[in-house]
Amino acid sequence: MGDGYAAVKSGALCLFGASFPPLVSAAAHVAADDRRTRKLLLHREEIDKLIGAVERKGYTIIPTAMYWKHNRVKVEIGLAKGKQDHDKRNAEKERDWNREKQQTMRAKNKLA
């Protein structure tokens, strides 16, 4: 589910890129596509609220949990905000610093 996200498609909320593995007890002669686009069943008010957050505030709708209930898959969704440019720069600096520390420690260990 790490790559999955939800977006509005023709007035309905659809889930893209999320993988739903078939049940073990499912029929073997039917090969279902586990990454196909799926329509999410929500009330109109819920859809409108999510669309408003996405359009106005720049959020993304992502699946956070998935579970089976009888013959249906229930998906818990949440709103997420992506990293801003200054956050990305800090992450790059931290990654570079960690790499430099590792190289220094390797060089010290080789000399010892």
C-alpha atoms as a PDB file:
ATOM      1  CA  MET A   1       0.000   0.000   0.000  1.00  0.00           C
ATOM      2  CA  GLY A   2       3.035   2.290   0.120  1.00  0.00           C
ATOM      3  CA  ASP A   3       2.549   3.531  -3.439  1.00  0.00           C
ATOM      4  CA  GLY A   4      -1.204   3.992  -3.238  1.00  0.00           C
ATOM      5  CA  TYR A   5      -3.063   7.277  -3.331  1.00  0.00           C
ATOM      6  CA  ALA A   6      -6.637   8.425  -3.870  1.00  0.00           C
ATOM      7  CA  ALA A   7      -7.865  11.031  -6.327  1.00  0.00           C
ATOM      8  CA  VAL A   8     -11.146  12.284  -7.743  1.00  0.00           C
ATOM      9  CA  LYS A   9     -12.200  10.631 -10.987  1.00  0.00           C
ATOM     10  CA  SER A  10     -15.520  11.661 -12.537  1.00  0.00           C
ATOM     11  CA  GLY A  11     -16.987  12.845  -9.240  1.00  0.00           C
ATOM     12  CA  ALA A  12     -16.023   9.742  -7.251  1.00  0.00           C
ATOM     13  CA  LEU A  13     -12.993   8.999  -5.106  1.00  0.00           C
ATOM     14  CA  CYS A  14     -10.783   6.280  -6.607  1.00  0.00           C
ATOM     15  CA  LEU A  15      -7.766   4.471  -5.191  1.00  0.00           C
ATOM     16  CA  PHE A  16      -4.769   4.178  -7.521  1.00  0.00           C
ATOM     17  CA  GLY A  17      -1.650   2.043  -7.189  1.00  0.00           C
ATOM     18  CA  ALA A  18      -2.567   0.177  -4.005  1.00  0.00           C
ATOM     19  CA  SER A  19      -2.093  -3.581  -4.012  1.00  0.00           C
ATOM     20  CA  PHE A  20      -4.832  -5.849  -2.655  1.00  0.00           C
ATOM     21  CA  PRO A  21      -3.593  -9.438  -2.592  1.00  0.00           C
ATOM     22  CA  PRO A  22      -6.362 -11.982  -3.205  1.00  0.00           C
ATOM     23  CA  LEU A  23      -7.616 -14.086  -0.338  1.00  0.00           C
ATOM     24  CA  VAL A  24      -6.058 -17.503   0.085  1.00  0.00           C
ATOM     25  CA  SER A  25      -9.508 -19.070  -0.068  1.00  0.00           C
ATOM     26  CA  ALA A  26     -10.375 -17.281  -3.347  1.00  0.00           C
ATOM     27  CA  ALA A  27     -10.946 -19.252  -6.532  1.00  0.00           C
ATOM     28  CA  ALA A  28      -7.701 -20.171  -8.312  1.00  0.00           C
ATOM     29  CA  HIS A  29      -9.154 -20.115 -11.836  1.00  0.00           C
ATOM     30  CA  VAL A  30      -9.872 -16.353 -11.670  1.00  0.00           C
ATOM     31  CA  ALA A  31      -6.775 -14.153 -11.924  1.00  0.00           C
ATOM     32  CA  ALA A  32      -7.609 -10.754 -10.441  1.00  0.00           C
ATOM     33  CA  ASP A  33      -5.409  -7.717 -11.035  1.00  0.00           C
ATOM     34  CA  ASP A  34      -4.316  -6.745  -7.521  1.00  0.00           C
ATOM     35  CA  ARG A  35      -3.203  -3.190  -8.521  1.00  0.00           C
ATOM     36  CA  ARG A  36      -6.240  -2.059 -10.490  1.00  0.00           C
ATOM     37  CA  THR A  37      -8.016   1.245  -9.817  1.00  0.00           C
ATOM     38  CA  ARG A  38     -10.771   0.860  -7.237  1.00  0.00           C
ATOM     39  CA  LYS A  39     -13.695   3.096  -6.431  1.00  0.00           C
ATOM     40  CA  LEU A  40     -13.981   4.080  -2.772  1.00  0.00           C
ATOM     41  CA  LEU A  41     -17.457   4.158  -1.269  1.00  0.00           C
ATOM     42  CA  LEU A  42     -17.941   7.329   0.776  1.00  0.00           C
ATOM     43  CA  HIS A  43     -20.783   9.704   1.506  1.00  0.00           C
ATOM     44  CA  ARG A  44     -20.988  12.821  -0.669  1.00  0.00           C
ATOM     45  CA  GLU A  45     -20.184  15.078   2.321  1.00  0.00           C
ATOM     46  CA  GLU A  46     -17.025  13.088   3.058  1.00  0.00           C
ATOM     47  CA  ILE A  47     -15.902  13.270  -0.570  1.00  0.00           C
ATOM     48  CA  ASP A  48     -16.537  17.026  -0.674  1.00  0.00           C
ATOM     49  CA  LYS A  49     -14.548  17.572   2.522  1.00  0.00           C
ATOM     50  CA  LEU A  50     -11.590  15.576   1.190  1.00  0.00           C
ATOM     51  CA  ILE A  51     -11.684  17.308  -2.197  1.00  0.00           C
ATOM     52  CA  GLY A  52     -11.705  20.697  -0.455  1.00  0.00           C
ATOM     53  CA  ALA A  53      -8.612  19.796   1.587  1.00  0.00           C
ATOM     54  CA  VAL A  54      -6.803  18.547  -1.500  1.00  0.00           C
ATOM     55  CA  GLU A  55      -7.608  21.576  -3.659  1.00  0.00           C
ATOM     56  CA  ARG A  56      -7.233  24.348  -1.070  1.00  0.00           C
ATOM     57  CA  LYS A  57      -4.475  23.092   1.194  1.00  0.00           C
ATOM     58  CA  GLY A  58      -2.491  20.875  -1.180  1.00  0.00           C
ATOM     59  CA  TYR A  59      -2.945  17.617   0.712  1.00  0.00           C
ATOM     60  CA  THR A  60      -2.798  14.122  -0.781  1.00  0.00           C
ATOM     61  CA  ILE A  61      -5.222  11.353   0.139  1.00  0.00           C
ATOM     62  CA  ILE A  62      -3.363   8.160   1.049  1.00  0.00           C
ATOM     63  CA  PRO A  63      -4.439   4.754   2.379  1.00  0.00           C
ATOM     64  CA  THR A  64      -3.187   4.109   5.918  1.00  0.00           C
ATOM     65  CA  ALA A  65      -4.703   0.714   6.731  1.00  0.00           C
ATOM     66  CA  MET A  66      -6.532  -2.096   4.979  1.00  0.00           C
ATOM     67  CA  TYR A  67      -8.534  -5.001   6.331  1.00  0.00           C
ATOM     68  CA  TRP A  68     -11.104  -7.531   5.162  1.00  0.00           C
ATOM     69  CA  LYS A  69     -14.643  -7.506   6.536  1.00  0.00           C
ATOM     70  CA  HIS A  70     -16.743 -10.348   5.168  1.00  0.00           C
ATOM     71  CA  ASN A  71     -16.331 -10.112   1.391  1.00  0.00           C
ATOM     72  CA  ARG A  72     -15.219  -6.469   1.220  1.00  0.00           C
ATOM     73  CA  VAL A  73     -11.948  -4.678   1.704  1.00  0.00           C
ATOM     74  CA  LYS A  74     -12.105  -1.748   4.103  1.00  0.00           C
ATOM     75  CA  VAL A  75      -9.517   0.987   3.570  1.00  0.00           C
ATOM     76  CA  GLU A  76      -8.682   3.637   6.122  1.00  0.00           C
ATOM     77  CA  ILE A  77      -7.563   6.837   4.383  1.00  0.00           C
ATOM     78  CA  GLY A  78      -5.796   9.923   5.644  1.00  0.00           C
ATOM     79  CA  LEU A  79      -4.664  13.320   4.447  1.00  0.00           C
ATOM     80  CA  ALA A  80      -0.915  13.831   4.033  1.00  0.00           C
ATOM     81  CA  LYS A  81       1.170  16.861   3.209  1.00  0.00           C
ATOM     82  CA  GLY A  82       4.358  16.423   1.183  1.00  0.00           C
ATOM     83  CA  LYS A  83       7.744  17.760   2.164  1.00  0.00           C
ATOM     84  CA  GLN A  84       8.547  21.362   1.351  1.00  0.00           C
ATOM     85  CA  ASP A  85      11.778  22.401  -0.362  1.00  0.00           C
ATOM     86  CA  HIS A  86      13.541  23.450   2.838  1.00  0.00           C
ATOM     87  CA  ASP A  87      12.642  20.112   4.441  1.00  0.00           C
ATOM     88  CA  LYS A  88      14.164  18.274   1.487  1.00  0.00           C
ATOM     89  CA  ARG A  89      17.387  20.277   1.784  1.00  0.00           C
ATOM     90  CA  ASN A  90      17.683  19.370   5.457  1.00  0.00           C
ATOM     91  CA  ALA A  91      17.135  15.694   4.655  1.00  0.00           C
ATOM     92  CA  GLU A  92      19.857  15.845   1.959  1.00  0.00           C
ATOM     93  CA  LYS A  93      22.289  17.513   4.365  1.00  0.00           C
ATOM     94  CA  GLU A  94      21.603  14.863   6.997  1.00  0.00           C
ATOM     95  CA  ARG A  95      22.076  12.048   4.476  1.00  0.00           C
ATOM     96  CA  ASP A  96      25.373  13.565   3.228  1.00  0.00           C
ATOM     97  CA  TRP A  97      26.614  14.028   6.796  1.00  0.00           C
ATOM     98  CA  ASN A  98      25.828  10.402   7.682  1.00  0.00           C
ATOM     99  CA  ARG A  99      27.655   9.201   4.557  1.00  0.00           C
ATOM    100  CA  GLU A 100      30.684  11.330   5.431  1.00  0.00           C
ATOM    101  CA  LYS A 101      30.717   9.953   8.995  1.00  0.00           C
ATOM    102  CA  GLN A 102      30.635   6.381   7.704  1.00  0.00           C
ATOM    103  CA  GLN A 103      33.505   7.031   5.286  1.00  0.00           C
ATOM    104  CA  THR A 104      35.583   8.588   8.062  1.00  0.00           C
ATOM    105  CA  MET A 105      34.916   5.654  10.390  1.00  0.00           C
ATOM    106  CA  ARG A 106      35.862   3.147   7.649  1.00  0.00           C
ATOM    107  CA  ALA A 107      39.098   5.009   6.962  1.00  0.00           C
ATOM    108  CA  LYS A 108      39.930   5.030  10.710  1.00  0.00           C
ATOM    109  CA  ASN A 109      39.184   1.315  11.054  1.00  0.00           C
ATOM    110  CA  LYS A 110      41.435   0.458   8.101  1.00  0.00           C
ATOM    111  CA  LEU A 111      44.359   2.324   9.665  1.00  0.00           C
ATOM    112  CA  ALA A 112      43.945   0.679  13.049  1.00  0.00           C
END
